[in-house]
N, C-alpha and C. Protein backbone atom coordinates (compact mmCIF):
# COMPACT_ATOMS: atom_id res chain seq x y z
N UNK A 1 0.84 -1.19 0.00
CA UNK A 1 0.00 0.00 0.00
C UNK A 1 0.88 1.25 0.00
N UNK A 2 0.46 2.24 -0.78
CA UNK A 2 1.18 3.51 -0.83
C UNK A 2 0.40 4.56 -0.05
N UNK A 3 1.15 5.34 0.73
CA UNK A 3 0.59 6.42 1.52
C UNK A 3 1.21 7.74 1.07
N UNK A 4 0.41 8.79 1.06
CA UNK A 4 0.92 10.15 0.85
C UNK A 4 0.66 10.94 2.12
N UNK A 5 1.69 11.62 2.63
CA UNK A 5 1.54 12.35 3.88
C UNK A 5 2.48 13.54 3.91
N UNK A 6 2.19 14.49 4.78
CA UNK A 6 3.10 15.61 5.03
C UNK A 6 3.77 15.45 6.39
N UNK A 7 3.37 14.43 7.15
CA UNK A 7 3.91 14.20 8.49
C UNK A 7 4.25 12.71 8.63
N UNK A 8 5.53 12.41 8.67
CA UNK A 8 5.97 11.01 8.70
C UNK A 8 5.88 10.37 10.07
N UNK A 9 5.71 11.16 11.12
CA UNK A 9 5.82 10.64 12.49
C UNK A 9 4.86 9.48 12.81
N UNK A 10 3.59 9.52 12.37
CA UNK A 10 2.70 8.39 12.69
C UNK A 10 3.14 7.06 12.06
N UNK A 11 4.01 7.11 11.07
CA UNK A 11 4.40 5.89 10.36
C UNK A 11 5.74 5.32 10.86
N UNK A 12 6.34 5.99 11.83
CA UNK A 12 7.61 5.51 12.40
C UNK A 12 7.34 4.50 13.51
N UNK A 13 6.76 3.40 13.13
CA UNK A 13 6.44 2.33 14.08
C UNK A 13 6.91 1.00 13.51
N UNK A 14 7.38 0.13 14.39
CA UNK A 14 7.87 -1.16 13.91
C UNK A 14 9.13 -0.99 13.09
N UNK A 15 9.29 -1.82 12.08
CA UNK A 15 10.45 -1.71 11.19
C UNK A 15 10.20 -0.65 10.12
N UNK A 16 11.08 0.34 10.05
CA UNK A 16 10.92 1.36 9.01
C UNK A 16 12.29 1.82 8.53
N UNK A 17 12.31 2.28 7.28
CA UNK A 17 13.54 2.77 6.65
C UNK A 17 13.27 4.16 6.10
N UNK A 18 14.17 5.11 6.41
CA UNK A 18 14.04 6.48 5.93
C UNK A 18 14.99 6.73 4.77
N UNK A 19 14.54 7.49 3.80
CA UNK A 19 15.43 7.88 2.70
C UNK A 19 14.89 9.12 2.01
N UNK A 20 15.77 9.83 1.33
CA UNK A 20 15.37 10.97 0.51
C UNK A 20 15.42 10.52 -0.95
N UNK A 21 14.25 10.32 -1.52
CA UNK A 21 14.16 9.66 -2.81
C UNK A 21 14.11 8.15 -2.60
N UNK A 22 13.61 7.43 -3.60
CA UNK A 22 13.49 5.97 -3.48
C UNK A 22 14.86 5.35 -3.72
N UNK A 23 15.50 4.92 -2.64
CA UNK A 23 16.84 4.33 -2.73
C UNK A 23 16.84 2.82 -2.48
N UNK A 24 15.72 2.31 -1.94
CA UNK A 24 15.64 0.88 -1.63
C UNK A 24 14.35 0.31 -2.20
N UNK A 25 14.41 -0.88 -2.73
CA UNK A 25 13.20 -1.53 -3.21
C UNK A 25 12.27 -1.82 -2.03
N UNK A 26 11.02 -1.38 -2.08
CA UNK A 26 10.10 -1.56 -0.95
C UNK A 26 9.47 -2.95 -0.93
N UNK A 27 10.32 -3.95 -0.90
CA UNK A 27 9.83 -5.32 -1.03
C UNK A 27 9.98 -6.17 0.23
N UNK A 28 10.60 -5.60 1.29
CA UNK A 28 10.77 -6.38 2.52
C UNK A 28 9.44 -6.52 3.25
N UNK A 29 9.13 -7.70 3.78
CA UNK A 29 7.86 -7.88 4.49
C UNK A 29 7.86 -7.12 5.82
N UNK A 30 6.69 -6.64 6.20
CA UNK A 30 6.48 -5.96 7.48
C UNK A 30 7.44 -4.79 7.69
N UNK A 31 7.81 -4.12 6.62
CA UNK A 31 8.73 -2.98 6.70
C UNK A 31 8.10 -1.77 6.02
N UNK A 32 8.13 -0.63 6.72
CA UNK A 32 7.60 0.61 6.17
C UNK A 32 8.75 1.42 5.57
N UNK A 33 8.63 1.78 4.33
CA UNK A 33 9.62 2.62 3.65
C UNK A 33 9.10 4.05 3.63
N UNK A 34 9.79 4.94 4.33
CA UNK A 34 9.39 6.34 4.40
C UNK A 34 10.32 7.14 3.50
N UNK A 35 9.75 7.71 2.44
CA UNK A 35 10.56 8.36 1.41
C UNK A 35 10.19 9.84 1.33
N UNK A 36 11.18 10.70 1.55
CA UNK A 36 10.96 12.14 1.46
C UNK A 36 11.15 12.58 0.02
N UNK A 37 10.14 13.28 -0.51
CA UNK A 37 10.17 13.75 -1.89
C UNK A 37 9.79 15.22 -1.92
N UNK A 38 10.53 16.02 -2.70
CA UNK A 38 10.14 17.41 -2.88
C UNK A 38 8.92 17.53 -3.79
N UNK A 39 8.75 16.50 -4.66
CA UNK A 39 7.61 16.51 -5.57
C UNK A 39 7.35 15.08 -6.02
N UNK A 40 6.09 14.74 -6.20
CA UNK A 40 5.73 13.40 -6.67
C UNK A 40 4.62 13.52 -7.70
N UNK A 41 4.57 12.57 -8.63
CA UNK A 41 3.57 12.59 -9.69
C UNK A 41 2.78 11.28 -9.68
N UNK A 42 1.65 11.29 -10.37
CA UNK A 42 0.86 10.06 -10.47
C UNK A 42 1.63 8.97 -11.20
N UNK A 43 2.45 9.35 -12.16
CA UNK A 43 3.24 8.38 -12.89
C UNK A 43 4.18 7.62 -11.96
N UNK A 44 4.81 8.33 -11.03
CA UNK A 44 5.71 7.68 -10.07
C UNK A 44 4.94 6.72 -9.17
N UNK A 45 3.76 7.14 -8.76
CA UNK A 45 2.96 6.27 -7.90
C UNK A 45 2.60 4.98 -8.63
N UNK A 46 2.22 5.11 -9.91
CA UNK A 46 1.87 3.92 -10.70
C UNK A 46 3.05 2.97 -10.83
N UNK A 47 4.26 3.52 -10.90
CA UNK A 47 5.45 2.68 -11.05
C UNK A 47 5.70 1.80 -9.84
N UNK A 48 5.30 2.28 -8.65
CA UNK A 48 5.60 1.56 -7.41
C UNK A 48 4.41 0.85 -6.80
N UNK A 49 3.20 1.15 -7.24
CA UNK A 49 2.02 0.69 -6.53
C UNK A 49 1.89 -0.83 -6.49
N UNK A 50 2.39 -1.52 -7.51
CA UNK A 50 2.30 -2.98 -7.53
C UNK A 50 3.58 -3.67 -7.05
N UNK A 51 4.56 -2.85 -6.65
CA UNK A 51 5.84 -3.41 -6.19
C UNK A 51 5.88 -3.50 -4.67
N UNK A 52 5.16 -2.63 -4.00
CA UNK A 52 5.25 -2.51 -2.54
C UNK A 52 4.76 -3.78 -1.86
N UNK A 53 5.59 -4.30 -0.94
CA UNK A 53 5.21 -5.50 -0.21
C UNK A 53 4.36 -5.18 1.01
N UNK A 54 4.64 -4.06 1.65
CA UNK A 54 3.91 -3.73 2.89
C UNK A 54 3.43 -2.28 2.85
N UNK A 55 4.31 -1.31 3.16
CA UNK A 55 3.91 0.10 3.12
C UNK A 55 5.04 0.96 2.54
N UNK A 56 4.66 1.83 1.62
CA UNK A 56 5.57 2.82 1.06
C UNK A 56 4.94 4.19 1.31
N UNK A 57 5.60 5.00 2.14
CA UNK A 57 5.06 6.29 2.55
C UNK A 57 5.85 7.40 1.87
N UNK A 58 5.20 8.14 1.00
CA UNK A 58 5.83 9.29 0.36
C UNK A 58 5.51 10.54 1.21
N UNK A 59 6.56 11.20 1.67
CA UNK A 59 6.41 12.42 2.48
C UNK A 59 6.60 13.62 1.56
N UNK A 60 5.53 14.33 1.32
CA UNK A 60 5.55 15.47 0.38
C UNK A 60 4.92 16.68 1.06
N UNK A 61 5.16 17.85 0.52
CA UNK A 61 4.58 19.06 1.11
C UNK A 61 3.29 19.50 0.42
N UNK A 62 2.99 18.88 -0.75
CA UNK A 62 1.79 19.27 -1.48
C UNK A 62 1.20 18.06 -2.19
N UNK A 63 -0.10 17.93 -2.14
CA UNK A 63 -0.78 16.81 -2.78
C UNK A 63 -0.76 16.99 -4.30
N UNK A 64 -0.26 15.99 -5.04
CA UNK A 64 -0.24 16.12 -6.50
C UNK A 64 -1.62 15.90 -7.11
N UNK A 65 -1.75 16.23 -8.38
CA UNK A 65 -2.99 15.98 -9.08
C UNK A 65 -3.10 14.49 -9.38
N UNK A 66 -4.20 13.87 -8.92
CA UNK A 66 -4.35 12.42 -9.03
C UNK A 66 -5.70 12.07 -9.66
N UNK A 67 -5.69 10.99 -10.41
CA UNK A 67 -6.94 10.50 -11.00
C UNK A 67 -7.76 9.78 -9.93
N UNK A 68 -9.04 9.60 -10.20
CA UNK A 68 -9.92 8.91 -9.27
C UNK A 68 -9.46 7.48 -9.05
N UNK A 69 -8.95 6.85 -10.10
CA UNK A 69 -8.48 5.46 -10.01
C UNK A 69 -7.34 5.33 -9.00
N UNK A 70 -6.38 6.24 -9.07
CA UNK A 70 -5.24 6.17 -8.16
C UNK A 70 -5.66 6.51 -6.74
N UNK A 71 -6.53 7.51 -6.58
CA UNK A 71 -6.99 7.88 -5.24
C UNK A 71 -7.64 6.71 -4.52
N UNK A 72 -8.29 5.84 -5.29
CA UNK A 72 -8.97 4.68 -4.68
C UNK A 72 -8.00 3.57 -4.32
N UNK A 73 -6.76 3.65 -4.83
CA UNK A 73 -5.78 2.58 -4.57
C UNK A 73 -4.71 2.96 -3.56
N UNK A 74 -4.71 4.22 -3.13
CA UNK A 74 -3.72 4.66 -2.15
C UNK A 74 -4.44 5.31 -0.97
N UNK A 75 -3.66 5.65 0.06
CA UNK A 75 -4.22 6.34 1.23
C UNK A 75 -3.57 7.72 1.33
N UNK A 76 -4.42 8.74 1.38
CA UNK A 76 -3.94 10.12 1.51
C UNK A 76 -4.15 10.57 2.94
N UNK A 77 -3.07 10.88 3.62
CA UNK A 77 -3.12 11.27 5.03
C UNK A 77 -3.81 12.63 5.19
N UNK A 78 -4.44 12.82 6.36
CA UNK A 78 -5.14 14.08 6.64
C UNK A 78 -4.20 15.28 6.67
N UNK A 79 -2.91 15.05 6.89
CA UNK A 79 -1.95 16.15 6.93
C UNK A 79 -1.80 16.84 5.58
N UNK A 80 -2.31 16.19 4.52
CA UNK A 80 -2.26 16.79 3.19
C UNK A 80 -3.62 17.34 2.78
N UNK A 81 -4.40 17.74 3.76
CA UNK A 81 -5.72 18.29 3.46
C UNK A 81 -5.59 19.55 2.65
N UNK A 82 -6.62 19.86 1.89
CA UNK A 82 -6.60 21.01 0.98
C UNK A 82 -6.37 22.30 1.75
N UNK A 83 -5.47 23.12 1.23
CA UNK A 83 -5.18 24.39 1.87
C UNK A 83 -3.88 24.38 2.66
N UNK A 84 -3.32 23.19 2.92
CA UNK A 84 -2.05 23.11 3.64
C UNK A 84 -0.92 23.43 2.66
N UNK A 85 -0.24 24.56 2.86
CA UNK A 85 0.78 24.98 1.92
C UNK A 85 2.17 24.45 2.25
N UNK A 86 2.28 23.66 3.31
CA UNK A 86 3.56 23.04 3.63
C UNK A 86 4.54 23.94 4.35
N UNK A 87 4.12 25.16 4.70
CA UNK A 87 5.06 26.08 5.36
C UNK A 87 5.49 25.52 6.72
N UNK A 88 4.55 24.96 7.47
CA UNK A 88 4.91 24.42 8.77
C UNK A 88 5.92 23.29 8.63
N UNK A 89 5.74 22.49 7.62
CA UNK A 89 6.68 21.39 7.38
C UNK A 89 8.05 21.94 7.01
N UNK A 90 8.08 22.99 6.22
CA UNK A 90 9.36 23.60 5.84
C UNK A 90 10.07 24.17 7.06
N UNK A 91 9.31 24.81 7.95
CA UNK A 91 9.89 25.36 9.18
C UNK A 91 10.49 24.23 10.03
N UNK A 92 9.73 23.16 10.19
CA UNK A 92 10.22 22.02 10.98
C UNK A 92 11.47 21.42 10.37
N UNK A 93 11.52 21.38 9.04
CA UNK A 93 12.65 20.74 8.37
C UNK A 93 13.96 21.47 8.64
N UNK A 94 13.92 22.77 8.89
CA UNK A 94 15.13 23.53 9.17
C UNK A 94 15.89 22.93 10.34
N UNK A 95 15.15 22.44 11.32
CA UNK A 95 15.77 21.97 12.56
C UNK A 95 15.83 20.45 12.67
N UNK A 96 15.08 19.73 11.82
CA UNK A 96 14.98 18.28 11.99
C UNK A 96 15.89 17.47 11.07
N UNK A 97 15.97 17.85 9.80
CA UNK A 97 16.52 16.94 8.81
C UNK A 97 18.00 17.17 8.55
N UNK A 98 18.71 16.07 8.33
CA UNK A 98 20.13 16.14 8.03
C UNK A 98 20.42 16.43 6.57
N UNK A 99 19.48 16.13 5.70
CA UNK A 99 19.66 16.41 4.27
C UNK A 99 19.34 17.87 4.02
N UNK A 100 20.37 18.71 4.03
CA UNK A 100 20.14 20.15 3.96
C UNK A 100 19.74 20.61 2.56
N UNK A 101 20.13 19.85 1.53
CA UNK A 101 19.67 20.20 0.18
C UNK A 101 18.16 20.05 0.09
N UNK A 102 17.64 19.01 0.73
CA UNK A 102 16.19 18.80 0.77
C UNK A 102 15.50 19.96 1.49
N UNK A 103 16.09 20.41 2.60
CA UNK A 103 15.54 21.54 3.35
C UNK A 103 15.50 22.78 2.47
N UNK A 104 16.58 23.02 1.75
CA UNK A 104 16.66 24.19 0.88
C UNK A 104 15.57 24.16 -0.20
N UNK A 105 15.40 23.00 -0.84
CA UNK A 105 14.39 22.88 -1.88
C UNK A 105 12.98 23.04 -1.32
N UNK A 106 12.78 22.55 -0.08
CA UNK A 106 11.46 22.66 0.54
C UNK A 106 11.14 24.11 0.88
N UNK A 107 12.11 24.84 1.38
CA UNK A 107 11.90 26.26 1.67
C UNK A 107 11.54 27.03 0.41
N UNK A 108 12.22 26.71 -0.68
CA UNK A 108 11.94 27.39 -1.94
C UNK A 108 10.56 27.03 -2.47
N UNK A 109 10.23 25.75 -2.46
CA UNK A 109 8.97 25.31 -3.07
C UNK A 109 7.75 25.82 -2.31
N UNK A 110 7.89 26.02 -0.99
CA UNK A 110 6.76 26.50 -0.19
C UNK A 110 6.77 28.02 -0.02
N UNK A 111 7.84 28.67 -0.53
CA UNK A 111 7.97 30.12 -0.39
C UNK A 111 7.75 30.55 1.06
N UNK A 112 8.46 29.91 1.95
CA UNK A 112 8.33 30.15 3.39
C UNK A 112 8.61 31.62 3.73
N UNK A 113 7.71 32.29 4.43
CA UNK A 113 7.94 33.69 4.80
C UNK A 113 9.17 33.82 5.71
N UNK A 114 10.09 34.69 5.34
CA UNK A 114 11.33 34.83 6.11
C UNK A 114 11.09 35.33 7.54
N UNK A 115 10.23 36.30 7.79
CA UNK A 115 10.02 36.72 9.19
C UNK A 115 9.57 35.58 10.08
N UNK A 116 8.71 34.69 9.54
CA UNK A 116 8.25 33.54 10.31
C UNK A 116 9.41 32.58 10.57
N UNK A 117 10.20 32.30 9.53
CA UNK A 117 11.34 31.38 9.69
C UNK A 117 12.34 31.93 10.70
N UNK A 118 12.58 33.23 10.68
CA UNK A 118 13.56 33.82 11.59
C UNK A 118 13.06 33.82 13.03
N UNK A 119 11.74 33.93 13.22
CA UNK A 119 11.20 33.85 14.57
C UNK A 119 11.45 32.46 15.16
N UNK A 120 11.27 31.43 14.35
CA UNK A 120 11.56 30.06 14.79
C UNK A 120 13.06 29.85 15.00
N UNK A 121 13.86 30.45 14.13
CA UNK A 121 15.31 30.31 14.27
C UNK A 121 15.78 30.94 15.58
N UNK A 122 15.26 32.09 15.91
CA UNK A 122 15.65 32.77 17.15
C UNK A 122 15.30 31.93 18.36
N UNK A 123 14.18 31.21 18.30
CA UNK A 123 13.72 30.42 19.44
C UNK A 123 14.42 29.07 19.56
N UNK A 124 15.05 28.60 18.48
CA UNK A 124 15.55 27.22 18.48
C UNK A 124 17.03 27.06 18.17
N UNK A 125 17.73 28.12 17.83
CA UNK A 125 19.14 27.97 17.47
C UNK A 125 19.99 29.04 18.17
N UNK A 126 20.95 28.57 18.96
CA UNK A 126 21.84 29.49 19.66
C UNK A 126 23.31 29.14 19.38
N UNK A 127 23.55 28.69 18.15
CA UNK A 127 24.88 28.18 17.79
C UNK A 127 25.86 29.27 17.38
N UNK A 128 25.48 30.54 17.48
CA UNK A 128 26.41 31.60 17.14
C UNK A 128 25.76 32.70 16.33
N UNK A 129 26.51 33.78 16.13
CA UNK A 129 25.95 34.96 15.47
C UNK A 129 26.32 35.04 13.99
N UNK A 130 27.18 34.14 13.52
CA UNK A 130 27.65 34.25 12.14
C UNK A 130 26.51 34.18 11.14
N UNK A 131 25.57 33.26 11.37
CA UNK A 131 24.46 33.12 10.43
C UNK A 131 23.59 34.37 10.42
N UNK A 132 23.46 35.04 11.58
CA UNK A 132 22.67 36.26 11.64
C UNK A 132 23.36 37.38 10.87
N UNK A 133 24.68 37.43 10.93
CA UNK A 133 25.41 38.45 10.16
C UNK A 133 25.24 38.22 8.66
N UNK A 134 25.32 36.96 8.27
CA UNK A 134 25.12 36.65 6.86
C UNK A 134 23.70 37.00 6.42
N UNK A 135 22.74 36.68 7.30
CA UNK A 135 21.35 36.98 6.97
C UNK A 135 21.14 38.49 6.81
N UNK A 136 21.76 39.27 7.69
CA UNK A 136 21.62 40.73 7.62
C UNK A 136 22.19 41.28 6.32
N UNK A 137 23.22 40.61 5.79
CA UNK A 137 23.86 41.09 4.57
C UNK A 137 23.03 40.82 3.32
N UNK A 138 22.21 39.76 3.34
CA UNK A 138 21.51 39.35 2.12
C UNK A 138 19.99 39.55 2.16
N UNK A 139 19.42 39.64 3.35
CA UNK A 139 17.96 39.56 3.47
C UNK A 139 17.23 40.65 2.70
N UNK A 140 17.74 41.87 2.73
CA UNK A 140 17.03 42.99 2.11
C UNK A 140 17.65 43.45 0.80
N UNK A 141 18.69 42.75 0.36
CA UNK A 141 19.38 43.21 -0.85
C UNK A 141 19.42 42.16 -1.96
N UNK A 142 19.35 40.87 -1.61
CA UNK A 142 19.46 39.81 -2.60
C UNK A 142 18.18 38.98 -2.65
N UNK A 143 17.99 38.17 -3.68
CA UNK A 143 16.80 37.33 -3.78
C UNK A 143 16.62 36.42 -2.55
N UNK A 144 15.38 36.04 -2.30
CA UNK A 144 15.06 35.26 -1.11
C UNK A 144 15.81 33.94 -1.06
N UNK A 145 16.20 33.40 -2.21
CA UNK A 145 16.89 32.12 -2.23
C UNK A 145 18.19 32.16 -1.43
N UNK A 146 18.84 33.32 -1.35
CA UNK A 146 20.07 33.43 -0.56
C UNK A 146 19.77 33.25 0.93
N UNK A 147 18.67 33.83 1.37
CA UNK A 147 18.27 33.66 2.77
C UNK A 147 17.89 32.22 3.05
N UNK A 148 17.20 31.58 2.12
CA UNK A 148 16.86 30.17 2.27
C UNK A 148 18.12 29.32 2.38
N UNK A 149 19.14 29.68 1.60
CA UNK A 149 20.40 28.92 1.64
C UNK A 149 21.05 29.02 3.02
N UNK A 150 20.98 30.19 3.64
CA UNK A 150 21.55 30.36 4.98
C UNK A 150 20.78 29.51 5.98
N UNK A 151 19.45 29.51 5.88
CA UNK A 151 18.63 28.70 6.79
C UNK A 151 18.90 27.21 6.61
N UNK A 152 19.17 26.82 5.38
CA UNK A 152 19.38 25.40 5.10
C UNK A 152 20.78 24.91 5.44
N UNK A 153 21.79 25.71 5.12
CA UNK A 153 23.17 25.23 5.22
C UNK A 153 23.97 25.79 6.39
N UNK A 154 23.39 26.75 7.12
CA UNK A 154 24.08 27.29 8.30
C UNK A 154 23.43 26.82 9.60
N UNK A 155 22.41 25.99 9.49
CA UNK A 155 21.74 25.43 10.67
C UNK A 155 21.88 23.92 10.61
N UNK A 156 22.18 23.33 11.73
CA UNK A 156 22.38 21.88 11.78
C UNK A 156 21.10 21.19 12.22
N UNK A 157 20.65 20.19 11.45
CA UNK A 157 19.47 19.43 11.82
C UNK A 157 19.74 18.52 13.01
N UNK A 158 18.81 18.50 13.96
CA UNK A 158 19.00 17.71 15.18
C UNK A 158 18.14 16.45 15.22
N UNK A 159 17.20 16.33 14.28
CA UNK A 159 16.29 15.18 14.30
C UNK A 159 15.13 15.36 15.26
N UNK A 160 15.05 16.50 15.93
CA UNK A 160 14.00 16.75 16.91
C UNK A 160 13.07 17.87 16.42
N UNK A 161 11.84 17.83 16.91
CA UNK A 161 10.90 18.89 16.57
C UNK A 161 11.30 20.19 17.27
N UNK A 162 11.19 21.32 16.60
CA UNK A 162 11.58 22.59 17.22
C UNK A 162 10.58 23.04 18.27
N UNK A 163 11.05 23.96 19.12
CA UNK A 163 10.21 24.56 20.16
C UNK A 163 9.43 25.73 19.58
N UNK A 164 8.17 25.81 19.92
CA UNK A 164 7.34 26.90 19.39
C UNK A 164 7.81 28.23 19.98
N UNK A 165 7.97 29.26 19.15
CA UNK A 165 8.42 30.56 19.68
C UNK A 165 7.45 31.12 20.71
N UNK A 166 8.02 31.76 21.73
CA UNK A 166 7.18 32.37 22.75
C UNK A 166 6.63 33.70 22.24
N UNK A 167 5.43 34.00 22.67
CA UNK A 167 4.86 35.29 22.33
C UNK A 167 5.59 36.38 23.10
N UNK A 168 5.68 37.56 22.50
CA UNK A 168 6.33 38.67 23.16
C UNK A 168 5.52 39.10 24.39
N UNK A 169 6.24 39.43 25.46
CA UNK A 169 5.56 39.93 26.64
C UNK A 169 4.91 41.27 26.34
N UNK A 170 3.73 41.44 26.88
CA UNK A 170 3.04 42.72 26.70
C UNK A 170 3.79 43.81 27.46
N UNK A 171 3.97 44.97 26.85
CA UNK A 171 4.70 46.05 27.54
C UNK A 171 3.96 46.51 28.78
N UNK A 172 4.72 46.87 29.81
CA UNK A 172 4.13 47.35 31.05
C UNK A 172 3.44 48.69 30.81
N UNK A 173 2.21 48.79 31.28
CA UNK A 173 1.48 50.06 31.13
C UNK A 173 1.95 51.02 32.21
N UNK A 174 2.53 52.13 31.81
CA UNK A 174 3.09 53.08 32.75
C UNK A 174 2.04 54.09 33.19
N UNK A 175 2.11 54.58 34.43
CA UNK A 175 1.17 55.60 34.91
C UNK A 175 1.31 56.89 34.09
N UNK A 176 0.24 57.66 34.06
CA UNK A 176 0.26 58.91 33.30
C UNK A 176 1.31 59.88 33.83
N UNK A 177 1.54 59.87 35.14
CA UNK A 177 2.53 60.80 35.71
C UNK A 177 3.87 60.11 35.96
N UNK A 178 4.18 59.13 35.14
CA UNK A 178 5.47 58.44 35.25
C UNK A 178 6.59 59.47 35.07
N UNK A 179 7.49 59.61 36.05
CA UNK A 179 8.46 60.71 36.02
C UNK A 179 9.69 60.46 35.16
N UNK A 180 9.81 59.27 34.61
CA UNK A 180 10.98 58.94 33.81
C UNK A 180 10.59 58.80 32.34
N UNK A 181 11.60 58.66 31.50
CA UNK A 181 11.33 58.37 30.10
C UNK A 181 10.73 56.97 29.97
N UNK A 182 9.96 56.73 28.91
CA UNK A 182 9.36 55.41 28.72
C UNK A 182 10.40 54.33 28.56
N UNK A 183 11.58 54.69 28.04
CA UNK A 183 12.65 53.71 27.87
C UNK A 183 13.32 53.33 29.19
N UNK A 184 13.08 54.13 30.26
CA UNK A 184 13.65 53.82 31.58
C UNK A 184 12.74 52.82 32.28
N UNK A 185 12.86 51.56 31.87
CA UNK A 185 11.91 50.54 32.33
C UNK A 185 12.09 50.17 33.80
N UNK A 186 13.20 50.57 34.40
CA UNK A 186 13.44 50.22 35.80
C UNK A 186 13.13 51.39 36.74
N UNK A 187 12.47 52.43 36.22
CA UNK A 187 12.17 53.59 37.04
C UNK A 187 11.33 53.25 38.26
N UNK A 188 10.28 52.44 38.08
CA UNK A 188 9.43 52.09 39.20
C UNK A 188 10.18 51.28 40.25
N UNK A 189 11.08 50.39 39.79
CA UNK A 189 11.89 49.63 40.74
C UNK A 189 12.82 50.55 41.53
N UNK A 190 13.34 51.56 40.84
CA UNK A 190 14.21 52.53 41.51
C UNK A 190 13.45 53.25 42.62
N UNK A 191 12.22 53.66 42.33
CA UNK A 191 11.42 54.33 43.35
C UNK A 191 11.10 53.40 44.51
N UNK A 192 10.86 52.14 44.21
CA UNK A 192 10.51 51.18 45.26
C UNK A 192 11.68 50.93 46.22
N UNK A 193 12.89 51.04 45.71
CA UNK A 193 14.04 50.59 46.50
C UNK A 193 14.99 51.70 46.94
N UNK A 194 14.74 52.96 46.54
CA UNK A 194 15.68 54.03 46.85
C UNK A 194 14.93 55.22 47.44
N UNK A 195 15.13 55.46 48.74
CA UNK A 195 14.43 56.54 49.41
C UNK A 195 14.83 57.91 48.89
N UNK A 196 16.10 58.08 48.50
CA UNK A 196 16.55 59.36 47.98
C UNK A 196 15.86 59.70 46.66
N UNK A 197 15.64 58.67 45.82
CA UNK A 197 14.94 58.90 44.55
C UNK A 197 13.50 59.31 44.80
N UNK A 198 12.89 58.70 45.81
CA UNK A 198 11.50 59.06 46.13
C UNK A 198 11.41 60.50 46.65
N UNK A 199 12.34 60.87 47.52
CA UNK A 199 12.33 62.24 48.05
C UNK A 199 12.59 63.27 46.95
N UNK A 200 13.48 62.93 45.99
CA UNK A 200 13.76 63.85 44.89
C UNK A 200 12.51 64.04 44.03
N UNK A 201 11.78 62.95 43.81
CA UNK A 201 10.55 63.05 43.04
C UNK A 201 9.53 63.95 43.75
N UNK A 202 9.44 63.83 45.09
CA UNK A 202 8.51 64.66 45.86
C UNK A 202 8.86 66.15 45.74
N UNK A 203 10.17 66.43 45.56
CA UNK A 203 10.61 67.82 45.49
C UNK A 203 10.33 68.43 44.12
N UNK A 204 10.70 67.68 43.05
CA UNK A 204 10.61 68.26 41.71
C UNK A 204 9.23 68.08 41.09
N UNK A 205 8.43 67.14 41.62
CA UNK A 205 7.10 66.90 41.04
C UNK A 205 6.10 66.68 42.18
N UNK A 206 5.80 67.72 42.94
CA UNK A 206 4.95 67.56 44.13
C UNK A 206 3.53 67.09 43.83
N UNK A 207 3.07 67.29 42.58
CA UNK A 207 1.69 66.90 42.24
C UNK A 207 1.56 65.43 41.86
N UNK A 208 2.66 64.69 41.84
CA UNK A 208 2.62 63.29 41.42
C UNK A 208 1.77 62.46 42.39
N UNK A 209 1.27 61.32 41.87
CA UNK A 209 0.43 60.44 42.70
C UNK A 209 1.00 59.03 42.82
N UNK A 210 2.22 58.84 42.37
CA UNK A 210 2.82 57.50 42.43
C UNK A 210 3.16 57.10 43.86
N UNK A 211 3.62 58.02 44.64
CA UNK A 211 4.03 57.75 46.02
C UNK A 211 3.42 58.81 46.93
N UNK A 212 3.50 58.58 48.22
CA UNK A 212 2.98 59.57 49.17
C UNK A 212 3.79 60.86 49.07
N UNK A 213 3.16 61.96 49.46
CA UNK A 213 3.81 63.27 49.31
C UNK A 213 4.73 63.59 50.49
N UNK A 214 4.59 62.88 51.60
CA UNK A 214 5.43 63.13 52.77
C UNK A 214 6.83 62.60 52.56
N UNK A 215 7.84 63.44 52.77
CA UNK A 215 9.22 63.00 52.61
C UNK A 215 9.61 62.00 53.69
N UNK A 216 10.49 61.11 53.33
CA UNK A 216 10.96 60.07 54.23
C UNK A 216 12.37 60.41 54.72
N UNK A 217 12.67 60.03 55.95
CA UNK A 217 14.04 60.23 56.44
C UNK A 217 15.00 59.29 55.71
N UNK A 218 16.16 59.78 55.43
CA UNK A 218 17.17 58.94 54.77
C UNK A 218 18.47 59.00 55.52
N UNK A 219 19.26 57.96 55.43
CA UNK A 219 20.54 57.86 56.12
C UNK A 219 21.64 58.08 55.10
N UNK A 220 22.53 58.99 55.33
CA UNK A 220 23.66 59.23 54.43
C UNK A 220 24.96 59.14 55.21
N UNK A 221 26.01 58.78 54.53
CA UNK A 221 27.33 58.67 55.16
C UNK A 221 27.94 60.06 55.34
N UNK A 222 28.53 60.27 56.52
CA UNK A 222 29.19 61.54 56.81
C UNK A 222 30.57 61.58 56.14
């Protein structure tokens, strides 16, 4: 039986063999052959459909055009449902797969948005700044394929699923009479921990409502 899927993980059970392209005859009994393909056609499926002894799983990012006859003879995984553009798979491939040429072709074929890819890269790769310098040099001046090449060949695949990027923390809402610049994010902490800062604020801004208006005694070195 031939399967088409965008997610190979459910098929990694029992005996299975991974490859990029069909490198082994899928004739061993009770063995699942998982084959990563950047593109597959109905003609290719017809060539293998009567050869498979157990399971041949083609991992693709997009469902090809298939006749009704072929659809009835194979199994199409839900991960290839209509509307899935394969971008998530391309993002995962940056960090998972050792075949970096395959990663590069997948990024190109899915036209993965660079801001999205870089958000994932920031959350999952801390191997150095060199790739970021290269990215800064090409991202806004050269075709997108150069950026894809950096993502593919300057990042090492670990075989593991990446960590989802964290959402940015919401900025702290500052009081209307905040006495510092908005960029002075530690101003409130300074007031909480330094009596001299509080007394100075009472002197220069007596109408403020952040702290009490009564000055506090402070201890200074003679």
